[in-house]
Structures are given as C-alpha cells and as structure tokens.
Amino acid sequence: MNSIENEDQKQTQRETIRIYLGPNLRGGQLLQSTVFRSGIPSYLTPLMAEQPDVAELIVPVDEMTEVQERILQAGTAEYTVYQRLLGKGN
C-alpha cells in the first residue's frame, strides 16, 4: 500500500469519527464530548426522534473546534440548538 492510499484510509477513518457537542442530557442519556467511532449507536435512535436537535450537535471530529466556536456565538444555528437542548430540563 502506498502513502497516498494510507492517507486516504486515514482520512476515511477520521470522517467516520463523530463527537457530541451538546449539553449533558438528563438521566445520562448522552454526555457532552461522547465520541462515536463506528456510526451513531441504535440505542440513541429514540432519543434523536424525541429531540432532533441532538443530531445537529453530533459532528465530525475534524469540525469540532469550529462548531464549538459557533455554539458560543449568539445568533448561530449551533447556539440556538444548544440553548434549546439546555431548555429541555437537562
């Protein structure tokens, strides 16, 4: 395997790793900074159906810094979603 193939494989791996940047959810259903290495687990499906905003804050690790900055900026979509999740009694 040449170095280009290795880089492509590493890039694909990085793309599949996602992180939840929302607030901790009530009852420990989902904690901030939870990392998903192989997709989002099926046990979160009911939670995401009940609170679709959760999915908006599960982002690729490569985008984590930018999304965290937008969560802190009033008026951004990420800020709004984060605040809505905070307001659900978390």
PDB file of N, CA and C in Angstrom:
ATOM      1  N   MET A   1       0.854  -1.174   0.000  1.00  0.00           N
ATOM      2  CA  MET A   1       0.000   0.000   0.000  1.00  0.00           C
ATOM      3  C   MET A   1       0.902   1.240   0.000  1.00  0.00           C
ATOM      4  N   ASN A   2       0.634   2.173  -0.915  1.00  0.00           N
ATOM      5  CA  ASN A   2       1.479   3.364  -0.965  1.00  0.00           C
ATOM      6  C   ASN A   2       0.978   4.435  -0.005  1.00  0.00           C
ATOM      7  N   SER A   3       1.752   5.503   0.112  1.00  0.00           N
ATOM      8  CA  SER A   3       1.421   6.527   1.107  1.00  0.00           C
ATOM      9  C   SER A   3       0.123   7.263   0.782  1.00  0.00           C
ATOM     10  N   ILE A   4      -0.213   7.390  -0.500  1.00  0.00           N
ATOM     11  CA  ILE A   4      -1.476   8.046  -0.870  1.00  0.00           C
ATOM     12  C   ILE A   4      -2.654   7.204  -0.400  1.00  0.00           C
ATOM     13  N   GLU A   5      -2.580   5.895  -0.596  1.00  0.00           N
ATOM     14  CA  GLU A   5      -3.652   5.015  -0.127  1.00  0.00           C
ATOM     15  C   GLU A   5      -3.757   5.066   1.393  1.00  0.00           C
ATOM     16  N   ASN A   6      -2.623   5.099   2.079  1.00  0.00           N
ATOM     17  CA  ASN A   6      -2.622   5.213   3.539  1.00  0.00           C
ATOM     18  C   ASN A   6      -3.310   6.497   3.980  1.00  0.00           C
ATOM     19  N   GLU A   7      -2.996   7.614   3.327  1.00  0.00           N
ATOM     20  CA  GLU A   7      -3.613   8.895   3.675  1.00  0.00           C
ATOM     21  C   GLU A   7      -5.112   8.848   3.434  1.00  0.00           C
ATOM     22  N   ASP A   8      -5.531   8.262   2.302  1.00  0.00           N
ATOM     23  CA  ASP A   8      -6.961   8.141   2.002  1.00  0.00           C
ATOM     24  C   ASP A   8      -7.665   7.316   3.069  1.00  0.00           C
ATOM     25  N   GLN A   9      -7.037   6.222   3.484  1.00  0.00           N
ATOM     26  CA  GLN A   9      -7.628   5.358   4.503  1.00  0.00           C
ATOM     27  C   GLN A   9      -7.730   6.110   5.838  1.00  0.00           C
ATOM     28  N   LYS A  10      -6.694   6.839   6.202  1.00  0.00           N
ATOM     29  CA  LYS A  10      -6.722   7.617   7.445  1.00  0.00           C
ATOM     30  C   LYS A  10      -7.804   8.689   7.377  1.00  0.00           C
ATOM     31  N   GLN A  11      -7.944   9.345   6.219  1.00  0.00           N
ATOM     32  CA  GLN A  11      -8.963  10.382   6.066  1.00  0.00           C
ATOM     33  C   GLN A  11     -10.352   9.778   6.220  1.00  0.00           C
ATOM     34  N   THR A  12     -10.594   8.620   5.625  1.00  0.00           N
ATOM     35  CA  THR A  12     -11.892   7.957   5.742  1.00  0.00           C
ATOM     36  C   THR A  12     -12.176   7.628   7.195  1.00  0.00           C
ATOM     37  N   GLN A  13     -11.172   7.144   7.918  1.00  0.00           N
ATOM     38  CA  GLN A  13     -11.335   6.834   9.336  1.00  0.00           C
ATOM     39  C   GLN A  13     -11.700   8.084  10.125  1.00  0.00           C
ATOM     40  N   ARG A  14     -11.011   9.187   9.872  1.00  0.00           N
ATOM     41  CA  ARG A  14     -11.294  10.436  10.590  1.00  0.00           C
ATOM     42  C   ARG A  14     -12.710  10.916  10.306  1.00  0.00           C
ATOM     43  N   GLU A  15     -13.176  10.740   9.078  1.00  0.00           N
ATOM     44  CA  GLU A  15     -14.511  11.201   8.716  1.00  0.00           C
ATOM     45  C   GLU A  15     -15.595  10.434   9.462  1.00  0.00           C
ATOM     46  N   THR A  16     -15.332   9.188   9.813  1.00  0.00           N
ATOM     47  CA  THR A  16     -16.364   8.406  10.480  1.00  0.00           C
ATOM     48  C   THR A  16     -16.414   8.672  11.983  1.00  0.00           C
ATOM     49  N   ILE A  17     -15.388   9.272  12.529  1.00  0.00           N
ATOM     50  CA  ILE A  17     -15.383   9.564  13.962  1.00  0.00           C
ATOM     51  C   ILE A  17     -16.140  10.870  14.187  1.00  0.00           C
ATOM     52  N   ARG A  18     -17.179  10.797  15.035  1.00  0.00           N
ATOM     53  CA  ARG A  18     -18.017  11.961  15.319  1.00  0.00           C
ATOM     54  C   ARG A  18     -18.049  12.189  16.826  1.00  0.00           C
ATOM     55  N   ILE A  19     -18.410  13.399  17.219  1.00  0.00           N
ATOM     56  CA  ILE A  19     -18.454  13.759  18.633  1.00  0.00           C
ATOM     57  C   ILE A  19     -19.718  14.568  18.918  1.00  0.00           C
ATOM     58  N   TYR A  20     -20.307  14.320  20.081  1.00  0.00           N
ATOM     59  CA  TYR A  20     -21.491  15.065  20.511  1.00  0.00           C
ATOM     60  C   TYR A  20     -21.028  16.295  21.278  1.00  0.00           C
ATOM     61  N   LEU A  21     -21.437  17.479  20.817  1.00  0.00           N
ATOM     62  CA  LEU A  21     -21.007  18.731  21.440  1.00  0.00           C
ATOM     63  C   LEU A  21     -22.122  19.444  22.188  1.00  0.00           C
ATOM     64  N   GLY A  22     -23.253  18.792  22.347  1.00  0.00           N
ATOM     65  CA  GLY A  22     -24.354  19.396  23.094  1.00  0.00           C
ATOM     66  C   GLY A  22     -24.164  19.227  24.590  1.00  0.00           C
ATOM     67  N   PRO A  23     -25.116  19.752  25.356  1.00  0.00           N
ATOM     68  CA  PRO A  23     -25.039  19.625  26.816  1.00  0.00           C
ATOM     69  C   PRO A  23     -25.319  18.190  27.263  1.00  0.00           C
ATOM     70  N   ASN A  24     -24.882  17.856  28.480  1.00  0.00           N
ATOM     71  CA  ASN A  24     -25.244  16.559  29.056  1.00  0.00           C
ATOM     72  C   ASN A  24     -26.763  16.471  29.099  1.00  0.00           C
ATOM     73  N   LEU A  25     -27.295  15.327  28.732  1.00  0.00           N
ATOM     74  CA  LEU A  25     -28.743  15.151  28.739  1.00  0.00           C
ATOM     75  C   LEU A  25     -29.184  14.436  30.000  1.00  0.00           C
ATOM     76  N   ARG A  26     -30.351  14.794  30.446  1.00  0.00           N
ATOM     77  CA  ARG A  26     -30.943  14.266  31.679  1.00  0.00           C
ATOM     78  C   ARG A  26     -30.838  12.741  31.736  1.00  0.00           C
ATOM     79  N   GLY A  27     -30.548  12.247  32.908  1.00  0.00           N
ATOM     80  CA  GLY A  27     -30.501  10.808  33.128  1.00  0.00           C
ATOM     81  C   GLY A  27     -29.291  10.130  32.510  1.00  0.00           C
ATOM     82  N   GLY A  28     -28.324  10.910  32.068  1.00  0.00           N
ATOM     83  CA  GLY A  28     -27.127  10.321  31.485  1.00  0.00           C
ATOM     84  C   GLY A  28     -27.360   9.691  30.126  1.00  0.00           C
ATOM     85  N   GLN A  29     -28.457  10.098  29.448  1.00  0.00           N
ATOM     86  CA  GLN A  29     -28.749   9.519  28.137  1.00  0.00           C
ATOM     87  C   GLN A  29     -27.621   9.771  27.145  1.00  0.00           C
ATOM     88  N   LEU A  30     -27.020  10.954  27.237  1.00  0.00           N
ATOM     89  CA  LEU A  30     -25.920  11.314  26.342  1.00  0.00           C
ATOM     90  C   LEU A  30     -25.109  12.407  27.027  1.00  0.00           C
ATOM     91  N   LEU A  31     -23.803  12.209  27.083  1.00  0.00           N
ATOM     92  CA  LEU A  31     -22.923  13.164  27.750  1.00  0.00           C
ATOM     93  C   LEU A  31     -22.131  13.963  26.724  1.00  0.00           C
ATOM     94  N   GLN A  32     -21.889  15.224  27.047  1.00  0.00           N
ATOM     95  CA  GLN A  32     -21.092  16.076  26.177  1.00  0.00           C
ATOM     96  C   GLN A  32     -19.740  15.422  25.920  1.00  0.00           C
ATOM     97  N   SER A  33     -19.258  15.548  24.710  1.00  0.00           N
ATOM     98  CA  SER A  33     -17.959  15.027  24.265  1.00  0.00           C
ATOM     99  C   SER A  33     -17.943  13.517  24.086  1.00  0.00           C
ATOM    100  N   THR A  34     -19.112  12.880  24.002  1.00  0.00           N
ATOM    101  CA  THR A  34     -19.152  11.453  23.684  1.00  0.00           C
ATOM    102  C   THR A  34     -18.673  11.278  22.248  1.00  0.00           C
ATOM    103  N   VAL A  35     -17.758  10.334  22.033  1.00  0.00           N
ATOM    104  CA  VAL A  35     -17.185  10.084  20.709  1.00  0.00           C
ATOM    105  C   VAL A  35     -17.797   8.817  20.128  1.00  0.00           C
ATOM    106  N   PHE A  36     -18.158   8.896  18.850  1.00  0.00           N
ATOM    107  CA  PHE A  36     -18.724   7.752  18.129  1.00  0.00           C
ATOM    108  C   PHE A  36     -17.754   7.367  17.023  1.00  0.00           C
ATOM    109  N   ARG A  37     -17.171   6.188  17.147  1.00  0.00           N
ATOM    110  CA  ARG A  37     -16.156   5.747  16.192  1.00  0.00           C
ATOM    111  C   ARG A  37     -16.730   4.940  15.033  1.00  0.00           C
ATOM    112  N   SER A  38     -17.869   4.327  15.218  1.00  0.00           N
ATOM    113  CA  SER A  38     -18.436   3.456  14.177  1.00  0.00           C
ATOM    114  C   SER A  38     -19.886   3.814  13.913  1.00  0.00           C
ATOM    115  N   GLY A  39     -20.149   5.056  13.709  1.00  0.00           N
ATOM    116  CA  GLY A  39     -21.520   5.488  13.493  1.00  0.00           C
ATOM    117  C   GLY A  39     -22.224   5.741  14.816  1.00  0.00           C
ATOM    118  N   ILE A  40     -23.440   6.242  14.701  1.00  0.00           N
ATOM    119  CA  ILE A  40     -24.233   6.549  15.890  1.00  0.00           C
ATOM    120  C   ILE A  40     -24.976   5.290  16.309  1.00  0.00           C
ATOM    121  N   PRO A  41     -24.835   4.858  17.564  1.00  0.00           N
ATOM    122  CA  PRO A  41     -25.452   3.605  18.002  1.00  0.00           C
ATOM    123  C   PRO A  41     -26.981   3.661  17.968  1.00  0.00           C
ATOM    124  N   SER A  42     -27.577   2.518  17.721  1.00  0.00           N
ATOM    125  CA  SER A  42     -29.037   2.436  17.576  1.00  0.00           C
ATOM    126  C   SER A  42     -29.773   2.789  18.868  1.00  0.00           C
ATOM    127  N   TYR A  43     -29.141   2.629  20.023  1.00  0.00           N
ATOM    128  CA  TYR A  43     -29.840   2.957  21.271  1.00  0.00           C
ATOM    129  C   TYR A  43     -30.143   4.458  21.376  1.00  0.00           C
ATOM    130  N   LEU A  44     -29.503   5.276  20.544  1.00  0.00           N
ATOM    131  CA  LEU A  44     -29.784   6.712  20.553  1.00  0.00           C
ATOM    132  C   LEU A  44     -30.923   7.100  19.608  1.00  0.00           C
ATOM    133  N   THR A  45     -31.408   6.165  18.805  1.00  0.00           N
ATOM    134  CA  THR A  45     -32.472   6.465  17.846  1.00  0.00           C
ATOM    135  C   THR A  45     -33.709   7.049  18.519  1.00  0.00           C
ATOM    136  N   PRO A  46     -34.227   6.443  19.606  1.00  0.00           N
ATOM    137  CA  PRO A  46     -35.401   7.039  20.258  1.00  0.00           C
ATOM    138  C   PRO A  46     -35.128   8.451  20.790  1.00  0.00           C
ATOM    139  N   LEU A  47     -33.955   8.667  21.344  1.00  0.00           N
ATOM    140  CA  LEU A  47     -33.598   9.986  21.861  1.00  0.00           C
ATOM    141  C   LEU A  47     -33.582  11.015  20.735  1.00  0.00           C
ATOM    142  N   MET A  48     -32.993  10.649  19.600  1.00  0.00           N
ATOM    143  CA  MET A  48     -32.909  11.590  18.487  1.00  0.00           C
ATOM    144  C   MET A  48     -34.274  11.807  17.839  1.00  0.00           C
ATOM    145  N   ALA A  49     -35.167  10.836  17.937  1.00  0.00           N
ATOM    146  CA  ALA A  49     -36.531  11.031  17.439  1.00  0.00           C
ATOM    147  C   ALA A  49     -37.281  12.010  18.346  1.00  0.00           C
ATOM    148  N   GLU A  50     -37.040  11.891  19.650  1.00  0.00           N
ATOM    149  CA  GLU A  50     -37.694  12.769  20.627  1.00  0.00           C
ATOM    150  C   GLU A  50     -37.092  14.177  20.616  1.00  0.00           C
ATOM    151  N   GLN A  51     -35.773  14.246  20.426  1.00  0.00           N
ATOM    152  CA  GLN A  51     -35.059  15.530  20.448  1.00  0.00           C
ATOM    153  C   GLN A  51     -34.157  15.626  19.209  1.00  0.00           C
ATOM    154  N   PRO A  52     -34.727  15.971  18.058  1.00  0.00           N
ATOM    155  CA  PRO A  52     -33.947  16.009  16.816  1.00  0.00           C
ATOM    156  C   PRO A  52     -32.738  16.947  16.874  1.00  0.00           C
ATOM    157  N   ASP A  53     -32.766  17.908  17.776  1.00  0.00           N
ATOM    158  CA  ASP A  53     -31.627  18.826  17.903  1.00  0.00           C
ATOM    159  C   ASP A  53     -30.338  18.102  18.278  1.00  0.00           C
ATOM    160  N   VAL A  54     -30.456  16.970  18.934  1.00  0.00           N
ATOM    161  CA  VAL A  54     -29.271  16.200  19.337  1.00  0.00           C
ATOM    162  C   VAL A  54     -28.412  15.887  18.114  1.00  0.00           C
ATOM    163  N   ALA A  55     -29.040  15.453  17.034  1.00  0.00           N
ATOM    164  CA  ALA A  55     -28.302  15.068  15.825  1.00  0.00           C
ATOM    165  C   ALA A  55     -27.523  16.244  15.238  1.00  0.00           C
ATOM    166  N   GLU A  56     -28.038  17.457  15.439  1.00  0.00           N
ATOM    167  CA  GLU A  56     -27.367  18.647  14.900  1.00  0.00           C
ATOM    168  C   GLU A  56     -26.020  18.898  15.570  1.00  0.00           C
ATOM    169  N   LEU A  57     -25.851  18.376  16.780  1.00  0.00           N
ATOM    170  CA  LEU A  57     -24.608  18.623  17.515  1.00  0.00           C
ATOM    171  C   LEU A  57     -23.728  17.377  17.610  1.00  0.00           C
ATOM    172  N   ILE A  58     -23.996  16.391  16.766  1.00  0.00           N
ATOM    173  CA  ILE A  58     -23.085  15.253  16.600  1.00  0.00           C
ATOM    174  C   ILE A  58     -22.356  15.512  15.289  1.00  0.00           C
ATOM    175  N   VAL A  59     -21.109  15.907  15.404  1.00  0.00           N
ATOM    176  CA  VAL A  59     -20.370  16.415  14.249  1.00  0.00           C
ATOM    177  C   VAL A  59     -19.071  15.637  14.050  1.00  0.00           C
ATOM    178  N   PRO A  60     -18.518  15.678  12.832  1.00  0.00           N
ATOM    179  CA  PRO A  60     -17.205  15.060  12.622  1.00  0.00           C
ATOM    180  C   PRO A  60     -16.162  15.712  13.531  1.00  0.00           C
ATOM    181  N   VAL A  61     -15.271  14.913  14.051  1.00  0.00           N
ATOM    182  CA  VAL A  61     -14.234  15.414  14.957  1.00  0.00           C
ATOM    183  C   VAL A  61     -13.435  16.534  14.291  1.00  0.00           C
ATOM    184  N   ASP A  62     -13.219  16.428  12.983  1.00  0.00           N
ATOM    185  CA  ASP A  62     -12.461  17.454  12.266  1.00  0.00           C
ATOM    186  C   ASP A  62     -13.129  18.827  12.334  1.00  0.00           C
ATOM    187  N   GLU A  63     -14.437  18.878  12.579  1.00  0.00           N
ATOM    188  CA  GLU A  63     -15.171  20.146  12.625  1.00  0.00           C
ATOM    189  C   GLU A  63     -15.420  20.626  14.059  1.00  0.00           C
ATOM    190  N   MET A  64     -14.916  19.891  15.023  1.00  0.00           N
ATOM    191  CA  MET A  64     -15.227  20.149  16.424  1.00  0.00           C
ATOM    192  C   MET A  64     -14.910  21.586  16.853  1.00  0.00           C
ATOM    193  N   THR A  65     -13.733  22.072  16.568  1.00  0.00           N
ATOM    194  CA  THR A  65     -13.325  23.404  17.020  1.00  0.00           C
ATOM    195  C   THR A  65     -14.238  24.485  16.459  1.00  0.00           C
ATOM    196  N   GLU A  66     -14.527  24.399  15.164  1.00  0.00           N
ATOM    197  CA  GLU A  66     -15.375  25.412  14.533  1.00  0.00           C
ATOM    198  C   GLU A  66     -16.788  25.382  15.111  1.00  0.00           C
ATOM    199  N   VAL A  67     -17.328  24.191  15.321  1.00  0.00           N
ATOM    200  CA  VAL A  67     -18.682  24.074  15.860  1.00  0.00           C
ATOM    201  C   VAL A  67     -18.720  24.589  17.298  1.00  0.00           C
ATOM    202  N   GLN A  68     -17.705  24.274  18.090  1.00  0.00           N
ATOM    203  CA  GLN A  68     -17.659  24.781  19.468  1.00  0.00           C
ATOM    204  C   GLN A  68     -17.653  26.309  19.488  1.00  0.00           C
ATOM    205  N   GLU A  69     -16.937  26.917  18.564  1.00  0.00           N
ATOM    206  CA  GLU A  69     -16.917  28.380  18.490  1.00  0.00           C
ATOM    207  C   GLU A  69     -18.303  28.919  18.144  1.00  0.00           C
ATOM    208  N   ARG A  70     -18.992  28.260  17.201  1.00  0.00           N
ATOM    209  CA  ARG A  70     -20.329  28.720  16.808  1.00  0.00           C
ATOM    210  C   ARG A  70     -21.352  28.499  17.920  1.00  0.00           C
ATOM    211  N   ILE A  71     -21.156  27.473  18.747  1.00  0.00           N
ATOM    212  CA  ILE A  71     -22.061  27.241  19.882  1.00  0.00           C
ATOM    213  C   ILE A  71     -22.021  28.433  20.836  1.00  0.00           C
ATOM    214  N   LEU A  72     -20.885  29.093  20.925  1.00  0.00           N
ATOM    215  CA  LEU A  72     -20.721  30.231  21.835  1.00  0.00           C
ATOM    216  C   LEU A  72     -21.168  31.562  21.233  1.00  0.00           C
ATOM    217  N   GLN A  73     -21.449  31.580  19.926  1.00  0.00           N
ATOM    218  CA  GLN A  73     -21.820  32.826  19.246  1.00  0.00           C
ATOM    219  C   GLN A  73     -23.333  32.938  19.127  1.00  0.00           C
ATOM    220  N   ALA A  74     -23.913  33.871  19.877  1.00  0.00           N
ATOM    221  CA  ALA A  74     -25.363  34.091  19.799  1.00  0.00           C
ATOM    222  C   ALA A  74     -25.756  34.368  18.355  1.00  0.00           C
ATOM    223  N   GLY A  75     -26.876  33.790  17.956  1.00  0.00           N
ATOM    224  CA  GLY A  75     -27.390  34.002  16.609  1.00  0.00           C
ATOM    225  C   GLY A  75     -27.049  32.908  15.619  1.00  0.00           C
ATOM    226  N   THR A  76     -26.084  32.043  15.948  1.00  0.00           N
ATOM    227  CA  THR A  76     -25.756  30.950  15.030  1.00  0.00           C
ATOM    228  C   THR A  76     -26.728  29.793  15.241  1.00  0.00           C
ATOM    229  N   ALA A  77     -26.837  28.956  14.231  1.00  0.00           N
ATOM    230  CA  ALA A  77     -27.716  27.786  14.338  1.00  0.00           C
ATOM    231  C   ALA A  77     -27.272  26.880  15.486  1.00  0.00           C
ATOM    232  N   GLU A  78     -25.973  26.706  15.638  1.00  0.00           N
ATOM    233  CA  GLU A  78     -25.454  25.838  16.693  1.00  0.00           C
ATOM    234  C   GLU A  78     -25.776  26.392  18.082  1.00  0.00           C
ATOM    235  N   TYR A  79     -25.663  27.691  18.256  1.00  0.00           N
ATOM    236  CA  TYR A  79     -26.009  28.332  19.530  1.00  0.00           C
ATOM    237  C   TYR A  79     -27.480  28.082  19.856  1.00  0.00           C
ATOM    238  N   THR A  80     -28.335  28.284  18.863  1.00  0.00           N
ATOM    239  CA  THR A  80     -29.777  28.113  19.048  1.00  0.00           C
ATOM    240  C   THR A  80     -30.120  26.683  19.439  1.00  0.00           C
ATOM    241  N   VAL A  81     -29.542  25.717  18.739  1.00  0.00           N
ATOM    242  CA  VAL A  81     -29.804  24.301  19.030  1.00  0.00           C
ATOM    243  C   VAL A  81     -29.323  23.954  20.435  1.00  0.00           C
ATOM    244  N   TYR A  82     -28.133  24.399  20.799  1.00  0.00           N
ATOM    245  CA  TYR A  82     -27.583  24.127  22.128  1.00  0.00           C
ATOM    246  C   TYR A  82     -28.505  24.694  23.207  1.00  0.00           C
ATOM    247  N   GLN A  83     -28.958  25.919  23.025  1.00  0.00           N
ATOM    248  CA  GLN A  83     -29.838  26.556  24.006  1.00  0.00           C
ATOM    249  C   GLN A  83     -31.173  25.819  24.119  1.00  0.00           C
ATOM    250  N   ARG A  84     -31.702  25.347  22.989  1.00  0.00           N
ATOM    251  CA  ARG A  84     -32.952  24.573  23.043  1.00  0.00           C
ATOM    252  C   ARG A  84     -32.753  23.301  23.849  1.00  0.00           C
ATOM    253  N   LEU A  85     -31.622  22.625  23.649  1.00  0.00           N
ATOM    254  CA  LEU A  85     -31.353  21.400  24.411  1.00  0.00           C
ATOM    255  C   LEU A  85     -31.199  21.712  25.899  1.00  0.00           C
ATOM    256  N   LEU A  86     -30.578  22.817  26.234  1.00  0.00           N
ATOM    257  CA  LEU A  86     -30.463  23.212  27.642  1.00  0.00           C
ATOM    258  C   LEU A  86     -31.837  23.439  28.254  1.00  0.00           C
ATOM    259  N   GLY A  87     -32.753  23.954  27.475  1.00  0.00           N
ATOM    260  CA  GLY A  87     -34.085  24.271  27.964  1.00  0.00           C
ATOM    261  C   GLY A  87     -35.003  23.080  28.125  1.00  0.00           C
ATOM    262  N   LYS A  88     -34.558  21.894  27.733  1.00  0.00           N
ATOM    263  CA  LYS A  88     -35.398  20.701  27.844  1.00  0.00           C
ATOM    264  C   LYS A  88     -35.257  20.041  29.206  1.00  0.00           C
ATOM    265  N   GLY A  89     -34.777  20.771  30.192  1.00  0.00           N
ATOM    266  CA  GLY A  89     -34.674  20.221  31.542  1.00  0.00           C
ATOM    267  C   GLY A  89     -33.435  19.412  31.785  1.00  0.00           C
ATOM    268  N   ASN A  90     -32.374  19.714  31.045  1.00  0.00           N
ATOM    269  CA  ASN A  90     -31.127  18.965  31.173  1.00  0.00           C
ATOM    270  C   ASN A  90     -30.319  19.480  32.336  1.00  0.00           C
TER     271      ASN A  90
END
